[in-house]
Amino acid sequence: MSDIPSHIKRQAMDRDFQPSVRIGKTGVTENIVEEVRGQLKKRKLVKIKINKGIYDRDARSQVWEYLAEETSSVVVIARGNVGVLWSNS
């Protein structure tokens, strides 16, 4: 795992930083992956929220790992139903 700069961690934890991608009852689809990939190219930092009741705790951690792998990014924070991905490229 790459080292995440402290300013990225602070920005990811900022309460004013709103989720820009939501994962609904259809789960993680190719469209979700493409949307996250596109937003990472533009902004480098993307906050994602999973609707409650879609995945249990173990499945959520797998979702964050999968999205990070598919989008060549790093999970900055994964807390509950919210995760933040960062791309340093």
PDB file of N, CA and C in Angstrom:
ATOM      1  N   MET A   1       0.847  -1.183   0.000  1.00  0.00           N
ATOM      2  CA  MET A   1       0.000   0.000   0.000  1.00  0.00           C
ATOM      3  C   MET A   1       0.884   1.234   0.000  1.00  0.00           C
ATOM      4  N   SER A   2       0.538   2.178  -0.801  1.00  0.00           N
ATOM      5  CA  SER A   2       1.352   3.384  -0.881  1.00  0.00           C
ATOM      6  C   SER A   2       1.064   4.291   0.309  1.00  0.00           C
ATOM      7  N   ASP A   3       2.016   5.153   0.603  1.00  0.00           N
ATOM      8  CA  ASP A   3       1.826   6.110   1.685  1.00  0.00           C
ATOM      9  C   ASP A   3       0.862   7.195   1.224  1.00  0.00           C
ATOM     10  N   ILE A   4      -0.104   7.472   2.062  1.00  0.00           N
ATOM     11  CA  ILE A   4      -1.111   8.483   1.753  1.00  0.00           C
ATOM     12  C   ILE A   4      -0.722   9.770   2.461  1.00  0.00           C
ATOM     13  N   PRO A   5      -0.561  10.869   1.722  1.00  0.00           N
ATOM     14  CA  PRO A   5      -0.197  12.148   2.351  1.00  0.00           C
ATOM     15  C   PRO A   5      -1.239  12.584   3.381  1.00  0.00           C
ATOM     16  N   SER A   6      -0.782  13.276   4.398  1.00  0.00           N
ATOM     17  CA  SER A   6      -1.682  13.692   5.479  1.00  0.00           C
ATOM     18  C   SER A   6      -2.766  14.653   4.981  1.00  0.00           C
ATOM     19  N   HIS A   7      -2.445  15.503   3.993  1.00  0.00           N
ATOM     20  CA  HIS A   7      -3.473  16.422   3.499  1.00  0.00           C
ATOM     21  C   HIS A   7      -4.596  15.673   2.774  1.00  0.00           C
ATOM     22  N   ILE A   8      -4.281  14.551   2.166  1.00  0.00           N
ATOM     23  CA  ILE A   8      -5.308  13.724   1.520  1.00  0.00           C
ATOM     24  C   ILE A   8      -6.194  13.083   2.586  1.00  0.00           C
ATOM     25  N   LYS A   9      -5.585  12.589   3.654  1.00  0.00           N
ATOM     26  CA  LYS A   9      -6.365  11.996   4.748  1.00  0.00           C
ATOM     27  C   LYS A   9      -7.292  13.028   5.381  1.00  0.00           C
ATOM     28  N   ARG A  10      -6.770  14.238   5.592  1.00  0.00           N
ATOM     29  CA  ARG A  10      -7.601  15.305   6.180  1.00  0.00           C
ATOM     30  C   ARG A  10      -8.773  15.643   5.265  1.00  0.00           C
ATOM     31  N   GLN A  11      -8.498  15.751   3.982  1.00  0.00           N
ATOM     32  CA  GLN A  11      -9.549  16.081   3.021  1.00  0.00           C
ATOM     33  C   GLN A  11     -10.601  14.966   2.973  1.00  0.00           C
ATOM     34  N   ALA A  12     -10.156  13.722   3.038  1.00  0.00           N
ATOM     35  CA  ALA A  12     -11.078  12.588   2.994  1.00  0.00           C
ATOM     36  C   ALA A  12     -11.974  12.544   4.228  1.00  0.00           C
ATOM     37  N   MET A  13     -11.456  12.973   5.369  1.00  0.00           N
ATOM     38  CA  MET A  13     -12.216  12.927   6.615  1.00  0.00           C
ATOM     39  C   MET A  13     -13.078  14.171   6.840  1.00  0.00           C
ATOM     40  N   ASP A  14     -12.936  15.168   5.994  1.00  0.00           N
ATOM     41  CA  ASP A  14     -13.695  16.412   6.126  1.00  0.00           C
ATOM     42  C   ASP A  14     -15.194  16.141   5.957  1.00  0.00           C
ATOM     43  N   ARG A  15     -15.982  16.611   6.899  1.00  0.00           N
ATOM     44  CA  ARG A  15     -17.434  16.381   6.849  1.00  0.00           C
ATOM     45  C   ARG A  15     -18.094  17.102   5.674  1.00  0.00           C
ATOM     46  N   ASP A  16     -17.472  18.137   5.164  1.00  0.00           N
ATOM     47  CA  ASP A  16     -18.031  18.866   4.024  1.00  0.00           C
ATOM     48  C   ASP A  16     -17.795  18.147   2.697  1.00  0.00           C
ATOM     49  N   PHE A  17     -16.929  17.137   2.699  1.00  0.00           N
ATOM     50  CA  PHE A  17     -16.637  16.357   1.497  1.00  0.00           C
ATOM     51  C   PHE A  17     -17.755  15.321   1.333  1.00  0.00           C
ATOM     52  N   GLN A  18     -18.664  15.589   0.415  1.00  0.00           N
ATOM     53  CA  GLN A  18     -19.866  14.771   0.237  1.00  0.00           C
ATOM     54  C   GLN A  18     -19.623  13.604  -0.726  1.00  0.00           C
ATOM     55  N   PRO A  19     -20.354  12.496  -0.539  1.00  0.00           N
ATOM     56  CA  PRO A  19     -20.247  11.371  -1.479  1.00  0.00           C
ATOM     57  C   PRO A  19     -20.683  11.790  -2.881  1.00  0.00           C
ATOM     58  N   SER A  20     -19.915  11.384  -3.866  1.00  0.00           N
ATOM     59  CA  SER A  20     -20.260  11.710  -5.248  1.00  0.00           C
ATOM     60  C   SER A  20     -20.713  10.475  -6.017  1.00  0.00           C
ATOM     61  N   VAL A  21     -20.586   9.295  -5.398  1.00  0.00           N
ATOM     62  CA  VAL A  21     -21.045   8.049  -6.012  1.00  0.00           C
ATOM     63  C   VAL A  21     -21.828   7.281  -4.950  1.00  0.00           C
ATOM     64  N   ARG A  22     -22.972   6.755  -5.354  1.00  0.00           N
ATOM     65  CA  ARG A  22     -23.779   5.922  -4.450  1.00  0.00           C
ATOM     66  C   ARG A  22     -23.940   4.543  -5.067  1.00  0.00           C
ATOM     67  N   ILE A  23     -23.804   3.537  -4.221  1.00  0.00           N
ATOM     68  CA  ILE A  23     -24.018   2.165  -4.659  1.00  0.00           C
ATOM     69  C   ILE A  23     -25.367   1.732  -4.107  1.00  0.00           C
ATOM     70  N   GLY A  24     -26.289   1.414  -5.000  1.00  0.00           N
ATOM     71  CA  GLY A  24     -27.653   1.065  -4.611  1.00  0.00           C
ATOM     72  C   GLY A  24     -27.895  -0.428  -4.620  1.00  0.00           C
ATOM     73  N   LYS A  25     -29.159  -0.800  -4.768  1.00  0.00           N
ATOM     74  CA  LYS A  25     -29.542  -2.203  -4.645  1.00  0.00           C
ATOM     75  C   LYS A  25     -29.002  -3.088  -5.761  1.00  0.00           C
ATOM     76  N   THR A  26     -28.585  -2.499  -6.876  1.00  0.00           N
ATOM     77  CA  THR A  26     -27.992  -3.316  -7.946  1.00  0.00           C
ATOM     78  C   THR A  26     -26.552  -3.686  -7.629  1.00  0.00           C
ATOM     79  N   GLY A  27     -25.978  -3.065  -6.605  1.00  0.00           N
ATOM     80  CA  GLY A  27     -24.620  -3.398  -6.187  1.00  0.00           C
ATOM     81  C   GLY A  27     -23.570  -2.750  -7.074  1.00  0.00           C
ATOM     82  N   VAL A  28     -22.383  -3.335  -7.038  1.00  0.00           N
ATOM     83  CA  VAL A  28     -21.268  -2.805  -7.823  1.00  0.00           C
ATOM     84  C   VAL A  28     -21.380  -3.349  -9.239  1.00  0.00           C
ATOM     85  N   THR A  29     -21.645  -2.445 -10.169  1.00  0.00           N
ATOM     86  CA  THR A  29     -21.752  -2.827 -11.574  1.00  0.00           C
ATOM     87  C   THR A  29     -20.579  -2.213 -12.336  1.00  0.00           C
ATOM     88  N   GLU A  30     -20.458  -2.580 -13.590  1.00  0.00           N
ATOM     89  CA  GLU A  30     -19.406  -2.002 -14.427  1.00  0.00           C
ATOM     90  C   GLU A  30     -19.605  -0.493 -14.564  1.00  0.00           C
ATOM     91  N   ASN A  31     -20.858  -0.048 -14.568  1.00  0.00           N
ATOM     92  CA  ASN A  31     -21.131   1.396 -14.638  1.00  0.00           C
ATOM     93  C   ASN A  31     -20.591   2.127 -13.412  1.00  0.00           C
ATOM     94  N   ILE A  32     -20.721   1.525 -12.245  1.00  0.00           N
ATOM     95  CA  ILE A  32     -20.189   2.127 -11.016  1.00  0.00           C
ATOM     96  C   ILE A  32     -18.672   2.229 -11.117  1.00  0.00           C
ATOM     97  N   VAL A  33     -18.037   1.155 -11.561  1.00  0.00           N
ATOM     98  CA  VAL A  33     -16.576   1.148 -11.692  1.00  0.00           C
ATOM     99  C   VAL A  33     -16.130   2.231 -12.667  1.00  0.00           C
ATOM    100  N   GLU A  34     -16.816   2.355 -13.799  1.00  0.00           N
ATOM    101  CA  GLU A  34     -16.465   3.375 -14.794  1.00  0.00           C
ATOM    102  C   GLU A  34     -16.664   4.784 -14.242  1.00  0.00           C
ATOM    103  N   GLU A  35     -17.739   4.986 -13.490  1.00  0.00           N
ATOM    104  CA  GLU A  35     -18.004   6.303 -12.895  1.00  0.00           C
ATOM    105  C   GLU A  35     -16.905   6.676 -11.899  1.00  0.00           C
ATOM    106  N   VAL A  36     -16.532   5.730 -11.049  1.00  0.00           N
ATOM    107  CA  VAL A  36     -15.464   5.986 -10.072  1.00  0.00           C
ATOM    108  C   VAL A  36     -14.155   6.270 -10.798  1.00  0.00           C
ATOM    109  N   ARG A  37     -13.861   5.478 -11.815  1.00  0.00           N
ATOM    110  CA  ARG A  37     -12.631   5.668 -12.594  1.00  0.00           C
ATOM    111  C   ARG A  37     -12.599   7.066 -13.216  1.00  0.00           C
ATOM    112  N   GLY A  38     -13.709   7.492 -13.804  1.00  0.00           N
ATOM    113  CA  GLY A  38     -13.788   8.817 -14.420  1.00  0.00           C
ATOM    114  C   GLY A  38     -13.627   9.937 -13.413  1.00  0.00           C
ATOM    115  N   GLN A  39     -14.261   9.798 -12.247  1.00  0.00           N
ATOM    116  CA  GLN A  39     -14.140  10.836 -11.222  1.00  0.00           C
ATOM    117  C   GLN A  39     -12.729  10.894 -10.649  1.00  0.00           C
ATOM    118  N   LEU A  40     -12.084   9.743 -10.516  1.00  0.00           N
ATOM    119  CA  LEU A  40     -10.705   9.739 -10.011  1.00  0.00           C
ATOM    120  C   LEU A  40      -9.761  10.453 -10.975  1.00  0.00           C
ATOM    121  N   LYS A  41     -10.022  10.332 -12.273  1.00  0.00           N
ATOM    122  CA  LYS A  41      -9.185  11.028 -13.256  1.00  0.00           C
ATOM    123  C   LYS A  41      -9.318  12.538 -13.118  1.00  0.00           C
ATOM    124  N   LYS A  42     -10.534  12.995 -12.811  1.00  0.00           N
ATOM    125  CA  LYS A  42     -10.783  14.437 -12.697  1.00  0.00           C
ATOM    126  C   LYS A  42     -10.372  15.000 -11.348  1.00  0.00           C
ATOM    127  N   ARG A  43     -10.703  14.281 -10.268  1.00  0.00           N
ATOM    128  CA  ARG A  43     -10.566  14.873  -8.938  1.00  0.00           C
ATOM    129  C   ARG A  43      -9.550  14.200  -8.026  1.00  0.00           C
ATOM    130  N   LYS A  44      -9.122  13.000  -8.351  1.00  0.00           N
ATOM    131  CA  LYS A  44      -8.136  12.244  -7.567  1.00  0.00           C
ATOM    132  C   LYS A  44      -8.676  11.679  -6.257  1.00  0.00           C
ATOM    133  N   LEU A  45      -9.772  12.239  -5.737  1.00  0.00           N
ATOM    134  CA  LEU A  45     -10.334  11.792  -4.464  1.00  0.00           C
ATOM    135  C   LEU A  45     -11.850  11.654  -4.629  1.00  0.00           C
ATOM    136  N   VAL A  46     -12.373  10.456  -4.357  1.00  0.00           N
ATOM    137  CA  VAL A  46     -13.794  10.189  -4.561  1.00  0.00           C
ATOM    138  C   VAL A  46     -14.374   9.537  -3.311  1.00  0.00           C
ATOM    139  N   LYS A  47     -15.484  10.088  -2.848  1.00  0.00           N
ATOM    140  CA  LYS A  47     -16.185   9.532  -1.697  1.00  0.00           C
ATOM    141  C   LYS A  47     -17.381   8.734  -2.204  1.00  0.00           C
ATOM    142  N   ILE A  48     -17.500   7.507  -1.704  1.00  0.00           N
ATOM    143  CA  ILE A  48     -18.532   6.586  -2.171  1.00  0.00           C
ATOM    144  C   ILE A  48     -19.373   6.147  -0.982  1.00  0.00           C
ATOM    145  N   LYS A  49     -20.676   6.097  -1.183  1.00  0.00           N
ATOM    146  CA  LYS A  49     -21.572   5.642  -0.123  1.00  0.00           C
ATOM    147  C   LYS A  49     -22.372   4.446  -0.619  1.00  0.00           C
ATOM    148  N   ILE A  50     -22.437   3.426   0.221  1.00  0.00           N
ATOM    149  CA  ILE A  50     -23.239   2.240  -0.078  1.00  0.00           C
ATOM    150  C   ILE A  50     -24.537   2.362   0.710  1.00  0.00           C
ATOM    151  N   ASN A  51     -25.671   2.193   0.032  1.00  0.00           N
ATOM    152  CA  ASN A  51     -26.956   2.240   0.725  1.00  0.00           C
ATOM    153  C   ASN A  51     -26.998   1.176   1.819  1.00  0.00           C
ATOM    154  N   LYS A  52     -27.631   1.506   2.923  1.00  0.00           N
ATOM    155  CA  LYS A  52     -27.700   0.585   4.063  1.00  0.00           C
ATOM    156  C   LYS A  52     -28.457  -0.683   3.694  1.00  0.00           C
ATOM    157  N   GLY A  53     -27.990  -1.790   4.251  1.00  0.00           N
ATOM    158  CA  GLY A  53     -28.655  -3.065   4.051  1.00  0.00           C
ATOM    159  C   GLY A  53     -28.255  -3.796   2.789  1.00  0.00           C
ATOM    160  N   ILE A  54     -27.417  -3.196   1.968  1.00  0.00           N
ATOM    161  CA  ILE A  54     -27.009  -3.842   0.717  1.00  0.00           C
ATOM    162  C   ILE A  54     -25.949  -4.913   0.988  1.00  0.00           C
ATOM    163  N   TYR A  55     -24.941  -4.566   1.771  1.00  0.00           N
ATOM    164  CA  TYR A  55     -23.846  -5.488   2.082  1.00  0.00           C
ATOM    165  C   TYR A  55     -23.627  -5.546   3.586  1.00  0.00           C
ATOM    166  N   ASP A  56     -23.157  -6.703   4.065  1.00  0.00           N
ATOM    167  CA  ASP A  56     -22.754  -6.782   5.468  1.00  0.00           C
ATOM    168  C   ASP A  56     -21.317  -6.275   5.595  1.00  0.00           C
ATOM    169  N   ARG A  57     -20.798  -6.258   6.795  1.00  0.00           N
ATOM    170  CA  ARG A  57     -19.482  -5.667   7.067  1.00  0.00           C
ATOM    171  C   ARG A  57     -18.365  -6.293   6.224  1.00  0.00           C
ATOM    172  N   ASP A  58     -18.327  -7.628   6.169  1.00  0.00           N
ATOM    173  CA  ASP A  58     -17.268  -8.301   5.409  1.00  0.00           C
ATOM    174  C   ASP A  58     -17.373  -8.001   3.919  1.00  0.00           C
ATOM    175  N   ALA A  59     -18.589  -8.004   3.408  1.00  0.00           N
ATOM    176  CA  ALA A  59     -18.783  -7.731   1.981  1.00  0.00           C
ATOM    177  C   ALA A  59     -18.403  -6.296   1.636  1.00  0.00           C
ATOM    178  N   ARG A  60     -18.663  -5.350   2.548  1.00  0.00           N
ATOM    179  CA  ARG A  60     -18.289  -3.951   2.286  1.00  0.00           C
ATOM    180  C   ARG A  60     -16.784  -3.813   2.141  1.00  0.00           C
ATOM    181  N   SER A  61     -16.027  -4.476   3.002  1.00  0.00           N
ATOM    182  CA  SER A  61     -14.567  -4.375   2.890  1.00  0.00           C
ATOM    183  C   SER A  61     -14.096  -4.971   1.569  1.00  0.00           C
ATOM    184  N   GLN A  62     -14.767  -6.018   1.103  1.00  0.00           N
ATOM    185  CA  GLN A  62     -14.425  -6.596  -0.197  1.00  0.00           C
ATOM    186  C   GLN A  62     -14.776  -5.638  -1.335  1.00  0.00           C
ATOM    187  N   VAL A  63     -15.870  -4.902  -1.177  1.00  0.00           N
ATOM    188  CA  VAL A  63     -16.266  -3.910  -2.191  1.00  0.00           C
ATOM    189  C   VAL A  63     -15.196  -2.839  -2.314  1.00  0.00           C
ATOM    190  N   TRP A  64     -14.714  -2.309  -1.169  1.00  0.00           N
ATOM    191  CA  TRP A  64     -13.682  -1.260  -1.211  1.00  0.00           C
ATOM    192  C   TRP A  64     -12.411  -1.790  -1.860  1.00  0.00           C
ATOM    193  N   GLU A  65     -12.004  -3.024  -1.509  1.00  0.00           N
ATOM    194  CA  GLU A  65     -10.804  -3.614  -2.110  1.00  0.00           C
ATOM    195  C   GLU A  65     -10.983  -3.799  -3.613  1.00  0.00           C
ATOM    196  N   TYR A  66     -12.154  -4.289  -4.012  1.00  0.00           N
ATOM    197  CA  TYR A  66     -12.432  -4.507  -5.428  1.00  0.00           C
ATOM    198  C   TYR A  66     -12.394  -3.197  -6.215  1.00  0.00           C
ATOM    199  N   LEU A  67     -13.070  -2.172  -5.708  1.00  0.00           N
ATOM    200  CA  LEU A  67     -13.083  -0.879  -6.399  1.00  0.00           C
ATOM    201  C   LEU A  67     -11.682  -0.287  -6.495  1.00  0.00           C
ATOM    202  N   ALA A  68     -10.901  -0.401  -5.426  1.00  0.00           N
ATOM    203  CA  ALA A  68      -9.535   0.123  -5.450  1.00  0.00           C
ATOM    204  C   ALA A  68      -8.705  -0.605  -6.506  1.00  0.00           C
ATOM    205  N   GLU A  69      -8.858  -1.914  -6.562  1.00  0.00           N
ATOM    206  CA  GLU A  69      -8.096  -2.697  -7.538  1.00  0.00           C
ATOM    207  C   GLU A  69      -8.515  -2.370  -8.970  1.00  0.00           C
ATOM    208  N   GLU A  70      -9.813  -2.296  -9.208  1.00  0.00           N
ATOM    209  CA  GLU A  70     -10.332  -2.043 -10.556  1.00  0.00           C
ATOM    210  C   GLU A  70     -10.033  -0.633 -11.055  1.00  0.00           C
ATOM    211  N   THR A  71      -9.883   0.312 -10.147  1.00  0.00           N
ATOM    212  CA  THR A  71      -9.665   1.704 -10.546  1.00  0.00           C
ATOM    213  C   THR A  71      -8.225   2.161 -10.323  1.00  0.00           C
ATOM    214  N   SER A  72      -7.350   1.245  -9.941  1.00  0.00           N
ATOM    215  CA  SER A  72      -5.939   1.565  -9.669  1.00  0.00           C
ATOM    216  C   SER A  72      -5.826   2.701  -8.658  1.00  0.00           C
ATOM    217  N   SER A  73      -6.553   2.570  -7.577  1.00  0.00           N
ATOM    218  CA  SER A  73      -6.550   3.597  -6.536  1.00  0.00           C
ATOM    219  C   SER A  73      -6.253   2.958  -5.181  1.00  0.00           C
ATOM    220  N   VAL A  74      -6.292   3.789  -4.147  1.00  0.00           N
ATOM    221  CA  VAL A  74      -5.999   3.352  -2.787  1.00  0.00           C
ATOM    222  C   VAL A  74      -7.182   3.728  -1.904  1.00  0.00           C
ATOM    223  N   VAL A  75      -7.548   2.833  -0.998  1.00  0.00           N
ATOM    224  CA  VAL A  75      -8.601   3.143  -0.030  1.00  0.00           C
ATOM    225  C   VAL A  75      -7.993   4.019   1.062  1.00  0.00           C
ATOM    226  N   VAL A  76      -8.484   5.245   1.174  1.00  0.00           N
ATOM    227  CA  VAL A  76      -8.005   6.165   2.208  1.00  0.00           C
ATOM    228  C   VAL A  76      -8.743   5.881   3.509  1.00  0.00           C
ATOM    229  N   ILE A  77     -10.060   5.800   3.422  1.00  0.00           N
ATOM    230  CA  ILE A  77     -10.913   5.531   4.581  1.00  0.00           C
ATOM    231  C   ILE A  77     -12.020   4.577   4.147  1.00  0.00           C
ATOM    232  N   ALA A  78     -12.323   3.629   4.999  1.00  0.00           N
ATOM    233  CA  ALA A  78     -13.495   2.777   4.821  1.00  0.00           C
ATOM    234  C   ALA A  78     -14.146   2.674   6.192  1.00  0.00           C
ATOM    235  N   ARG A  79     -15.184   3.453   6.388  1.00  0.00           N
ATOM    236  CA  ARG A  79     -15.854   3.504   7.686  1.00  0.00           C
ATOM    237  C   ARG A  79     -17.350   3.312   7.472  1.00  0.00           C
ATOM    238  N   GLY A  80     -17.858   2.193   7.949  1.00  0.00           N
ATOM    239  CA  GLY A  80     -19.282   1.913   7.783  1.00  0.00           C
ATOM    240  C   GLY A  80     -19.649   1.789   6.319  1.00  0.00           C
ATOM    241  N   ASN A  81     -20.656   2.540   5.906  1.00  0.00           N
ATOM    242  CA  ASN A  81     -21.134   2.487   4.522  1.00  0.00           C
ATOM    243  C   ASN A  81     -20.435   3.487   3.614  1.00  0.00           C
ATOM    244  N   VAL A  82     -19.412   4.156   4.116  1.00  0.00           N
ATOM    245  CA  VAL A  82     -18.737   5.199   3.343  1.00  0.00           C
ATOM    246  C   VAL A  82     -17.262   4.853   3.173  1.00  0.00           C
ATOM    247  N   GLY A  83     -16.780   5.045   1.955  1.00  0.00           N
ATOM    248  CA  GLY A  83     -15.368   4.839   1.667  1.00  0.00           C
ATOM    249  C   GLY A  83     -14.853   5.958   0.784  1.00  0.00           C
ATOM    250  N   VAL A  84     -13.554   6.219   0.896  1.00  0.00           N
ATOM    251  CA  VAL A  84     -12.915   7.246   0.076  1.00  0.00           C
ATOM    252  C   VAL A  84     -11.747   6.604  -0.654  1.00  0.00           C
ATOM    253  N   LEU A  85     -11.723   6.787  -1.970  1.00  0.00           N
ATOM    254  CA  LEU A  85     -10.631   6.281  -2.801  1.00  0.00           C
ATOM    255  C   LEU A  85      -9.798   7.447  -3.298  1.00  0.00           C
ATOM    256  N   TRP A  86      -8.488   7.198  -3.414  1.00  0.00           N
ATOM    257  CA  TRP A  86      -7.552   8.220  -3.873  1.00  0.00           C
ATOM    258  C   TRP A  86      -6.676   7.639  -4.965  1.00  0.00           C
ATOM    259  N   SER A  87      -6.497   8.397  -6.019  1.00  0.00           N
ATOM    260  CA  SER A  87      -5.599   8.024  -7.109  1.00  0.00           C
ATOM    261  C   SER A  87      -4.457   9.025  -7.151  1.00  0.00           C
ATOM    262  N   ASN A  88      -3.240   8.527  -7.036  1.00  0.00           N
ATOM    263  CA  ASN A  88      -2.088   9.436  -7.049  1.00  0.00           C
ATOM    264  C   ASN A  88      -1.459   9.548  -8.425  1.00  0.00           C
ATOM    265  N   SER A  89      -2.106   8.982  -9.438  1.00  0.00           N
ATOM    266  CA  SER A  89      -1.537   9.075 -10.793  1.00  0.00           C
ATOM    267  C   SER A  89      -2.172  10.192 -11.584  1.00  0.00           C
TER     268      SER A  89
END
